[in-house]
Amino acid sequence: SLKGRRYLIVMDDVWNAEAWNDVRRCFPNDNNGSRVMVTSRILKVARFISPLNAPHVMRFLTVDESWKLLQEKLCGLDSRLCCDDEMGW
């Protein structure tokens, strides 16, 4: 159903090349600007999926960075607005 249409597909956390092989045929290349973006923790998988493009390697967040990000997503940029004793924040 994507044939002839423009699309953006995001596949998050692909763990093996077989998973990509199972779905890639579903994404036709009609040269119309469609894109498939894939994330993977495994560099070998990223290189298999797109051998001509260098993967963008990111570091994992620290525990403190992860906690801050969660608070920002739940409470907005000023996490003090929703932090209370009941939540243990």
N, C-alpha and C. Protein backbone atom coordinates (compact mmCIF):
# COMPACT_ATOMS: atom_id res chain seq x y z
N SER A 1 0.81 -1.20 0.00
CA SER A 1 0.00 0.00 0.00
C SER A 1 0.86 1.27 0.00
N LEU A 2 2.18 1.14 0.11
CA LEU A 2 3.05 2.31 0.08
C LEU A 2 3.51 2.65 -1.34
N LYS A 3 3.25 1.76 -2.27
CA LYS A 3 3.69 1.98 -3.66
C LYS A 3 3.13 3.28 -4.19
N GLY A 4 4.03 4.14 -4.68
CA GLY A 4 3.63 5.41 -5.26
C GLY A 4 3.37 6.51 -4.23
N ARG A 5 3.46 6.19 -2.96
CA ARG A 5 3.23 7.17 -1.90
C ARG A 5 4.54 7.60 -1.29
N ARG A 6 4.51 8.77 -0.69
CA ARG A 6 5.68 9.27 0.03
C ARG A 6 5.51 8.93 1.51
N TYR A 7 6.56 8.40 2.13
CA TYR A 7 6.44 7.93 3.51
C TYR A 7 7.73 8.15 4.28
N LEU A 8 7.57 8.18 5.61
CA LEU A 8 8.70 8.17 6.54
C LEU A 8 8.40 7.05 7.53
N ILE A 9 9.26 6.08 7.59
CA ILE A 9 9.13 4.95 8.50
C ILE A 9 10.29 5.00 9.49
N VAL A 10 10.00 4.86 10.78
CA VAL A 10 11.04 4.80 11.81
C VAL A 10 10.95 3.44 12.48
N MET A 11 12.04 2.69 12.39
CA MET A 11 12.13 1.39 13.06
C MET A 11 13.13 1.54 14.20
N ASP A 12 12.67 1.35 15.41
CA ASP A 12 13.49 1.60 16.58
C ASP A 12 14.04 0.30 17.16
N ASP A 13 15.33 0.28 17.45
CA ASP A 13 15.99 -0.79 18.17
C ASP A 13 15.95 -2.14 17.44
N VAL A 14 16.42 -2.14 16.19
CA VAL A 14 16.51 -3.37 15.41
C VAL A 14 17.69 -4.17 15.91
N TRP A 15 17.45 -5.42 16.26
CA TRP A 15 18.49 -6.25 16.90
C TRP A 15 19.26 -7.16 15.96
N ASN A 16 18.69 -7.44 14.78
CA ASN A 16 19.43 -8.32 13.88
C ASN A 16 19.09 -8.03 12.42
N ALA A 17 19.98 -8.46 11.53
CA ALA A 17 19.82 -8.21 10.11
C ALA A 17 18.60 -8.93 9.54
N GLU A 18 18.25 -10.06 10.10
CA GLU A 18 17.10 -10.81 9.62
C GLU A 18 15.80 -10.01 9.77
N ALA A 19 15.68 -9.28 10.86
CA ALA A 19 14.49 -8.45 11.07
C ALA A 19 14.37 -7.42 9.96
N TRP A 20 15.48 -6.79 9.60
CA TRP A 20 15.46 -5.82 8.51
C TRP A 20 15.12 -6.50 7.19
N ASN A 21 15.72 -7.65 6.92
CA ASN A 21 15.43 -8.38 5.68
C ASN A 21 13.95 -8.77 5.57
N ASP A 22 13.32 -9.05 6.71
CA ASP A 22 11.91 -9.43 6.71
C ASP A 22 10.98 -8.30 6.30
N VAL A 23 11.38 -7.05 6.57
CA VAL A 23 10.46 -5.93 6.32
C VAL A 23 10.89 -5.00 5.18
N ARG A 24 12.11 -5.04 4.76
CA ARG A 24 12.58 -4.05 3.78
C ARG A 24 11.85 -4.12 2.45
N ARG A 25 11.36 -5.27 2.08
CA ARG A 25 10.63 -5.39 0.81
C ARG A 25 9.29 -4.65 0.85
N CYS A 26 8.83 -4.31 2.05
CA CYS A 26 7.57 -3.58 2.20
C CYS A 26 7.72 -2.09 1.88
N PHE A 27 8.95 -1.61 1.73
CA PHE A 27 9.21 -0.19 1.53
C PHE A 27 9.72 0.04 0.11
N PRO A 28 8.82 0.32 -0.84
CA PRO A 28 9.26 0.51 -2.22
C PRO A 28 10.08 1.78 -2.38
N ASN A 29 11.06 1.73 -3.27
CA ASN A 29 11.86 2.92 -3.58
C ASN A 29 11.36 3.50 -4.89
N ASP A 30 10.48 4.48 -4.80
CA ASP A 30 9.92 5.12 -5.98
C ASP A 30 10.62 6.44 -6.30
N ASN A 31 11.77 6.67 -5.66
CA ASN A 31 12.54 7.91 -5.87
C ASN A 31 11.68 9.15 -5.68
N ASN A 32 10.84 9.13 -4.64
CA ASN A 32 9.95 10.27 -4.38
C ASN A 32 10.26 10.94 -3.04
N GLY A 33 11.43 10.65 -2.46
CA GLY A 33 11.82 11.28 -1.21
C GLY A 33 11.43 10.51 0.03
N SER A 34 10.88 9.32 -0.13
CA SER A 34 10.53 8.50 1.03
C SER A 34 11.79 8.08 1.76
N ARG A 35 11.65 7.87 3.06
CA ARG A 35 12.80 7.49 3.88
C ARG A 35 12.40 6.44 4.91
N VAL A 36 13.39 5.59 5.25
CA VAL A 36 13.26 4.66 6.36
C VAL A 36 14.44 4.95 7.28
N MET A 37 14.14 5.27 8.55
CA MET A 37 15.18 5.53 9.53
C MET A 37 15.18 4.36 10.52
N VAL A 38 16.37 3.83 10.77
CA VAL A 38 16.50 2.66 11.63
C VAL A 38 17.47 2.98 12.77
N THR A 39 17.09 2.59 13.98
CA THR A 39 18.02 2.67 15.10
C THR A 39 18.37 1.26 15.55
N SER A 40 19.59 1.12 16.01
CA SER A 40 20.04 -0.17 16.52
C SER A 40 21.16 0.08 17.52
N ARG A 41 21.22 -0.72 18.54
CA ARG A 41 22.33 -0.65 19.50
C ARG A 41 23.53 -1.41 18.98
N ILE A 42 23.33 -2.17 17.91
CA ILE A 42 24.36 -3.07 17.40
C ILE A 42 24.95 -2.49 16.12
N LEU A 43 26.21 -2.08 16.19
CA LEU A 43 26.87 -1.42 15.07
C LEU A 43 26.89 -2.30 13.82
N LYS A 44 27.08 -3.59 13.99
CA LYS A 44 27.11 -4.52 12.86
C LYS A 44 25.77 -4.52 12.11
N VAL A 45 24.69 -4.42 12.83
CA VAL A 45 23.35 -4.37 12.21
C VAL A 45 23.19 -3.07 11.43
N ALA A 46 23.59 -1.95 12.04
CA ALA A 46 23.49 -0.66 11.37
C ALA A 46 24.28 -0.65 10.06
N ARG A 47 25.47 -1.21 10.10
CA ARG A 47 26.31 -1.26 8.89
C ARG A 47 25.72 -2.19 7.84
N PHE A 48 25.07 -3.26 8.26
CA PHE A 48 24.43 -4.17 7.31
C PHE A 48 23.27 -3.47 6.61
N ILE A 49 22.46 -2.74 7.37
CA ILE A 49 21.28 -2.09 6.82
C ILE A 49 21.66 -1.01 5.81
N SER A 50 22.70 -0.26 6.11
CA SER A 50 23.11 0.83 5.22
C SER A 50 24.63 0.84 5.07
N PRO A 51 25.16 -0.06 4.25
CA PRO A 51 26.62 -0.21 4.16
C PRO A 51 27.33 1.01 3.56
N LEU A 52 26.64 1.84 2.82
CA LEU A 52 27.28 2.99 2.18
C LEU A 52 27.27 4.25 3.05
N ASN A 53 26.52 4.22 4.15
CA ASN A 53 26.42 5.38 5.04
C ASN A 53 26.98 5.02 6.41
N ALA A 54 27.85 5.88 6.92
CA ALA A 54 28.40 5.65 8.26
C ALA A 54 27.30 5.85 9.30
N PRO A 55 27.16 4.92 10.24
CA PRO A 55 26.14 5.09 11.27
C PRO A 55 26.47 6.24 12.21
N HIS A 56 25.44 6.87 12.73
CA HIS A 56 25.61 7.92 13.73
C HIS A 56 25.61 7.24 15.09
N VAL A 57 26.76 7.21 15.74
CA VAL A 57 26.91 6.50 17.01
C VAL A 57 26.66 7.47 18.16
N MET A 58 25.76 7.08 19.04
CA MET A 58 25.44 7.90 20.21
C MET A 58 25.80 7.13 21.47
N ARG A 59 26.10 7.85 22.52
CA ARG A 59 26.42 7.21 23.79
C ARG A 59 25.13 7.00 24.58
N PHE A 60 25.17 6.06 25.52
CA PHE A 60 24.04 5.85 26.41
C PHE A 60 23.99 6.99 27.43
N LEU A 61 22.79 7.32 27.89
CA LEU A 61 22.64 8.33 28.94
C LEU A 61 23.07 7.75 30.27
N THR A 62 23.59 8.62 31.13
CA THR A 62 23.89 8.20 32.49
C THR A 62 22.58 8.06 33.25
N VAL A 63 22.63 7.49 34.45
CA VAL A 63 21.43 7.36 35.27
C VAL A 63 20.85 8.74 35.56
N ASP A 64 21.68 9.70 35.90
CA ASP A 64 21.20 11.06 36.18
C ASP A 64 20.58 11.71 34.94
N GLU A 65 21.22 11.55 33.79
CA GLU A 65 20.67 12.11 32.55
C GLU A 65 19.34 11.46 32.19
N SER A 66 19.23 10.17 32.39
CA SER A 66 17.98 9.45 32.12
C SER A 66 16.87 9.95 33.03
N TRP A 67 17.17 10.12 34.30
CA TRP A 67 16.18 10.61 35.27
C TRP A 67 15.72 12.02 34.91
N LYS A 68 16.67 12.88 34.54
CA LYS A 68 16.33 14.25 34.16
C LYS A 68 15.45 14.27 32.91
N LEU A 69 15.78 13.45 31.93
CA LEU A 69 14.99 13.38 30.71
C LEU A 69 13.57 12.91 31.01
N LEU A 70 13.43 11.89 31.85
CA LEU A 70 12.10 11.41 32.23
C LEU A 70 11.30 12.52 32.90
N GLN A 71 11.91 13.22 33.85
CA GLN A 71 11.22 14.31 34.53
C GLN A 71 10.80 15.41 33.56
N GLU A 72 11.67 15.75 32.61
CA GLU A 72 11.33 16.78 31.63
C GLU A 72 10.17 16.34 30.74
N LYS A 73 10.14 15.07 30.37
CA LYS A 73 9.05 14.58 29.52
C LYS A 73 7.74 14.54 30.28
N LEU A 74 7.79 14.20 31.57
CA LEU A 74 6.57 14.12 32.37
C LEU A 74 6.09 15.48 32.85
N CYS A 75 7.01 16.37 33.16
CA CYS A 75 6.66 17.61 33.85
C CYS A 75 6.98 18.87 33.05
N GLY A 76 7.57 18.76 31.92
CA GLY A 76 7.99 19.94 31.19
C GLY A 76 9.41 20.31 31.58
N LEU A 77 9.89 21.41 31.04
CA LEU A 77 11.27 21.81 31.28
C LEU A 77 11.55 22.15 32.74
N ASP A 78 10.54 22.66 33.44
CA ASP A 78 10.72 22.97 34.86
C ASP A 78 10.15 21.82 35.68
N SER A 79 10.97 20.81 35.94
CA SER A 79 10.49 19.60 36.62
C SER A 79 10.07 19.88 38.05
N ARG A 80 10.41 21.05 38.59
CA ARG A 80 10.00 21.39 39.96
C ARG A 80 8.49 21.56 40.06
N LEU A 81 7.83 21.78 38.91
CA LEU A 81 6.39 22.02 38.91
C LEU A 81 5.58 20.78 39.29
N CYS A 82 6.12 19.60 39.08
CA CYS A 82 5.33 18.40 39.38
C CYS A 82 6.01 17.48 40.39
N CYS A 83 7.09 17.86 40.93
CA CYS A 83 7.78 17.03 41.90
C CYS A 83 7.16 17.24 43.27
N ASP A 84 6.73 16.15 43.87
CA ASP A 84 6.16 16.26 45.21
C ASP A 84 6.55 15.05 46.04
N ASP A 85 6.23 15.10 47.33
CA ASP A 85 6.63 14.03 48.24
C ASP A 85 5.94 12.71 47.91
N GLU A 86 4.70 12.74 47.44
CA GLU A 86 3.98 11.51 47.12
C GLU A 86 4.66 10.72 46.01
N MET A 87 5.22 11.43 45.05
CA MET A 87 5.88 10.76 43.93
C MET A 87 7.29 10.31 44.31
N GLY A 88 7.82 10.82 45.41
CA GLY A 88 9.17 10.46 45.81
C GLY A 88 10.23 11.19 45.03
N TRP A 89 9.85 12.31 44.37
CA TRP A 89 10.80 13.06 43.56
C TRP A 89 11.34 14.14 44.42
